[in-house]
């Protein structure tokens, strides 16, 4: 796994970099990598309002009538890869989280290292740009080494839970994007399964 500057979002290892750009890790003890520029356009000090709600099976409701997360196939079956659809325009401008499956185990802190399964997709078209599921193993990384939106989304989860999150550009890769898979100012969707906390 290549070393990384203060990364904003976990990335896949060098061998899988073209396919795994946002939240994966490589090898058995994976750690997130970063963009080569290290300037994600999102500052570590960014803040957002977060909406966390429980979801009915297969859907993720919007909060307060605002645009929300897109529907997710396999939303509540944690043994199957979740598949987010395209979201409705306009995308949310704040971090939105929806618990698809509430967890019952340990909860992480901002300094925790977590093990997750995840799928990352573009909000506008639902195109998956990275997924730990395709590599056949979960990703592990410290929460203080990823983009702010991903870290904030995992806080409040419990082990055993599955959460859908929409990350606006200012809490993701911002104006720089993460070429070639994540363009400038793209809103991202992740479905995250929290497997373990250290």
Protein backbone atom coordinates (compact mmCIF):
# COMPACT_ATOMS: atom_id res chain seq x y z
CA UNK A 1 0.00 0.00 0.00
CA UNK A 2 1.49 3.35 -0.95
CA UNK A 3 1.99 5.83 1.81
CA UNK A 4 -0.34 8.78 1.86
CA UNK A 5 -0.37 12.39 2.92
CA UNK A 6 -3.18 13.44 5.25
CA UNK A 7 -5.82 11.67 3.19
CA UNK A 8 -9.47 12.57 3.10
CA UNK A 9 -10.92 9.27 1.86
CA UNK A 10 -9.49 5.78 1.88
CA UNK A 11 -8.25 4.54 -1.47
CA UNK A 12 -7.29 1.16 -2.80
CA UNK A 13 -3.73 -0.08 -3.09
CA UNK A 14 -1.49 0.68 -6.05
CA UNK A 15 -2.30 -2.54 -7.91
CA UNK A 16 -6.01 -1.78 -7.85
CA UNK A 17 -5.83 2.01 -7.95
CA UNK A 18 -7.65 2.34 -11.25
CA UNK A 19 -10.64 0.41 -9.98
CA UNK A 20 -10.56 1.15 -6.28
CA UNK A 21 -10.32 4.86 -5.77
CA UNK A 22 -12.13 5.89 -2.70
CA UNK A 23 -12.58 3.62 0.28
CA UNK A 24 -10.67 0.44 -0.10
CA UNK A 25 -7.47 -0.94 1.12
CA UNK A 26 -5.04 -3.47 -0.20
CA UNK A 27 -3.75 -6.75 1.15
CA UNK A 28 -4.77 -8.51 4.35
CA UNK A 29 -4.05 -5.61 6.66
CA UNK A 30 -5.33 -2.85 4.52
CA UNK A 31 -4.95 0.80 5.23
CA UNK A 32 -6.38 3.62 3.19
CA UNK A 33 -4.27 5.42 0.66
CA UNK A 34 -4.82 8.86 -0.66
CA UNK A 35 -4.84 10.87 -3.76
CA UNK A 36 -1.45 11.76 -5.10
CA UNK A 37 -2.18 15.44 -4.68
CA UNK A 38 -3.24 15.19 -1.06
CA UNK A 39 -5.44 18.24 -1.57
CA UNK A 40 -8.93 16.94 -1.65
CA UNK A 41 -10.55 20.30 -1.61
CA UNK A 42 -12.08 19.45 1.74
CA UNK A 43 -10.52 20.76 4.86
CA UNK A 44 -10.26 18.66 7.97
CA UNK A 45 -12.06 21.44 9.79
CA UNK A 46 -15.16 21.25 7.62
CA UNK A 47 -18.45 20.97 9.37
CA UNK A 48 -21.82 19.85 8.17
CA UNK A 49 -25.20 19.07 9.45
CA UNK A 50 -25.86 15.38 9.54
CA UNK A 51 -29.21 13.73 9.31
CA UNK A 52 -29.41 10.18 10.61
CA UNK A 53 -32.65 8.33 10.37
CA UNK A 54 -33.84 4.75 10.37
CA UNK A 55 -34.88 3.47 6.98
CA UNK A 56 -37.57 1.15 5.80
CA UNK A 57 -36.22 -1.89 3.96
CA UNK A 58 -34.75 -1.06 0.58
CA UNK A 59 -35.10 2.70 0.87
CA UNK A 60 -33.33 5.56 2.50
CA UNK A 61 -35.66 8.46 3.36
CA UNK A 62 -34.75 12.08 2.88
CA UNK A 63 -34.60 14.30 5.94
CA UNK A 64 -36.80 17.39 6.25
CA UNK A 65 -38.02 17.19 2.66
CA UNK A 66 -34.48 17.79 1.39
CA UNK A 67 -32.94 15.51 -1.23
CA UNK A 68 -31.76 12.34 0.40
CA UNK A 69 -29.95 9.15 -0.31
CA UNK A 70 -30.95 7.13 -3.36
CA UNK A 71 -32.66 3.73 -3.07
CA UNK A 72 -30.35 0.77 -2.36
CA UNK A 73 -30.83 -2.77 -3.65
CA UNK A 74 -30.00 -5.39 -0.99
CA UNK A 75 -30.28 -2.59 1.58
CA UNK A 76 -30.97 -4.74 4.61
CA UNK A 77 -29.22 -8.02 3.69
CA UNK A 78 -25.73 -7.53 5.13
CA UNK A 79 -24.59 -10.75 3.45
CA UNK A 80 -25.13 -9.22 0.00
CA UNK A 81 -23.37 -6.33 -1.68
CA UNK A 82 -25.56 -3.20 -1.52
CA UNK A 83 -26.19 -1.45 -4.83
CA UNK A 84 -27.10 2.25 -4.65
CA UNK A 85 -29.15 3.73 -7.49
CA UNK A 86 -28.75 7.22 -8.93
CA UNK A 87 -29.95 10.02 -6.68
CA UNK A 88 -32.53 12.70 -7.44
CA UNK A 89 -31.39 16.18 -8.39
CA UNK A 90 -30.37 18.37 -6.77
CA UNK A 91 -28.04 16.41 -4.49
CA UNK A 92 -28.01 17.18 -0.76
CA UNK A 93 -25.62 19.96 0.21
CA UNK A 94 -24.99 18.53 3.69
CA UNK A 95 -23.92 15.12 4.93
CA UNK A 96 -26.92 12.77 5.07
CA UNK A 97 -26.80 9.39 6.79
CA UNK A 98 -29.45 6.69 7.02
CA UNK A 99 -29.18 3.54 9.10
CA UNK A 100 -30.34 0.70 6.85
CA UNK A 101 -29.51 -1.91 9.51
CA UNK A 102 -28.89 -0.68 13.07
CA UNK A 103 -25.83 -2.18 14.73
CA UNK A 104 -25.71 -3.51 18.28
CA UNK A 105 -21.97 -3.75 18.94
CA UNK A 106 -19.20 -1.32 19.82
CA UNK A 107 -19.24 2.25 18.51
CA UNK A 108 -16.09 3.93 17.14
CA UNK A 109 -14.54 7.18 18.30
CA UNK A 110 -12.79 9.72 16.08
CA UNK A 111 -9.45 8.04 16.77
CA UNK A 112 -10.64 4.45 16.18
CA UNK A 113 -9.46 2.12 13.46
CA UNK A 114 -12.41 0.44 11.80
CA UNK A 115 -12.97 -2.55 9.58
CA UNK A 116 -15.70 -2.06 7.00
CA UNK A 117 -17.26 -3.42 3.84
CA UNK A 118 -18.43 -0.61 1.57
CA UNK A 119 -19.62 0.43 -1.85
CA UNK A 120 -18.89 3.92 -3.18
CA UNK A 121 -20.91 5.37 -6.06
CA UNK A 122 -21.48 8.66 -7.83
CA UNK A 123 -24.71 10.27 -6.62
CA UNK A 124 -25.68 11.60 -10.06
CA UNK A 125 -25.62 8.31 -11.98
CA UNK A 126 -25.19 5.55 -9.37
CA UNK A 127 -21.98 4.35 -11.06
CA UNK A 128 -19.87 2.40 -8.54
CA UNK A 129 -16.28 3.64 -8.48
CA UNK A 130 -15.00 1.53 -5.58
CA UNK A 131 -16.17 -1.39 -3.47
CA UNK A 132 -14.44 -3.61 -0.94
CA UNK A 133 -16.91 -6.34 -1.95
CA UNK A 134 -15.21 -6.70 -5.35
CA UNK A 135 -11.87 -7.38 -3.68
CA UNK A 136 -13.36 -10.10 -1.50
CA UNK A 137 -12.19 -8.65 1.82
CA UNK A 138 -13.05 -5.77 4.14
CA UNK A 139 -10.98 -2.61 4.40
CA UNK A 140 -9.34 -1.38 7.63
CA UNK A 141 -8.27 2.19 8.30
CA UNK A 142 -8.10 4.85 11.00
CA UNK A 143 -11.02 7.28 10.95
CA UNK A 144 -8.65 10.24 11.23
CA UNK A 145 -7.08 9.30 7.87
CA UNK A 146 -10.11 9.59 5.58
CA UNK A 147 -12.19 12.37 4.07
CA UNK A 148 -14.27 14.20 6.67
CA UNK A 149 -17.61 13.00 5.31
CA UNK A 150 -16.66 9.34 5.54
CA UNK A 151 -15.29 9.71 9.06
CA UNK A 152 -18.33 11.68 10.23
CA UNK A 153 -20.64 9.09 8.66
CA UNK A 154 -19.12 6.20 10.61
CA UNK A 155 -19.23 8.01 13.96
CA UNK A 156 -22.43 7.02 15.68
CA UNK A 157 -22.59 3.62 13.97
CA UNK A 158 -22.32 0.38 15.92
CA UNK A 159 -20.68 -2.85 14.84
CA UNK A 160 -23.13 -4.96 12.86
CA UNK A 161 -24.78 -1.91 11.30
CA UNK A 162 -25.17 -0.86 7.69
CA UNK A 163 -25.42 2.83 6.89
CA UNK A 164 -25.99 4.74 3.67
CA UNK A 165 -24.36 8.14 3.44
CA UNK A 166 -24.40 10.96 0.92
CA UNK A 167 -21.22 13.06 1.05
CA UNK A 168 -21.30 16.52 -0.54
CA UNK A 169 -18.15 17.72 -2.34
CA UNK A 170 -16.97 19.97 0.53
CA UNK A 171 -16.71 16.88 2.78
CA UNK A 172 -15.36 14.66 -0.01
CA UNK A 173 -12.85 15.38 -2.75
CA UNK A 174 -14.06 18.92 -3.48
CA UNK A 175 -12.98 20.82 -6.56
CA UNK A 176 -9.96 18.54 -7.10
CA UNK A 177 -11.94 15.34 -7.42
CA UNK A 178 -10.07 12.04 -7.48
CA UNK A 179 -9.44 11.40 -11.20
CA UNK A 180 -10.26 9.40 -13.11
CA UNK A 181 -13.19 7.91 -11.18
CA UNK A 182 -14.32 10.88 -9.10
CA UNK A 183 -14.67 14.17 -10.91
CA UNK A 184 -14.49 17.68 -9.50
CA UNK A 185 -17.28 18.63 -7.10
CA UNK A 186 -18.99 15.24 -7.24
CA UNK A 187 -21.44 14.19 -4.58
CA UNK A 188 -20.72 10.65 -3.39
CA UNK A 189 -22.87 7.84 -2.00
CA UNK A 190 -21.49 5.10 0.24
CA UNK A 191 -23.13 2.11 1.81
CA UNK A 192 -20.97 1.06 4.76
CA UNK A 193 -21.10 -2.08 6.90
CA UNK A 194 -19.23 -1.62 10.19
CA UNK A 195 -17.59 -4.96 10.99
CA UNK A 196 -15.13 -4.16 13.78
CA UNK A 197 -13.71 -1.31 15.86
CA UNK A 198 -10.20 -1.14 17.37
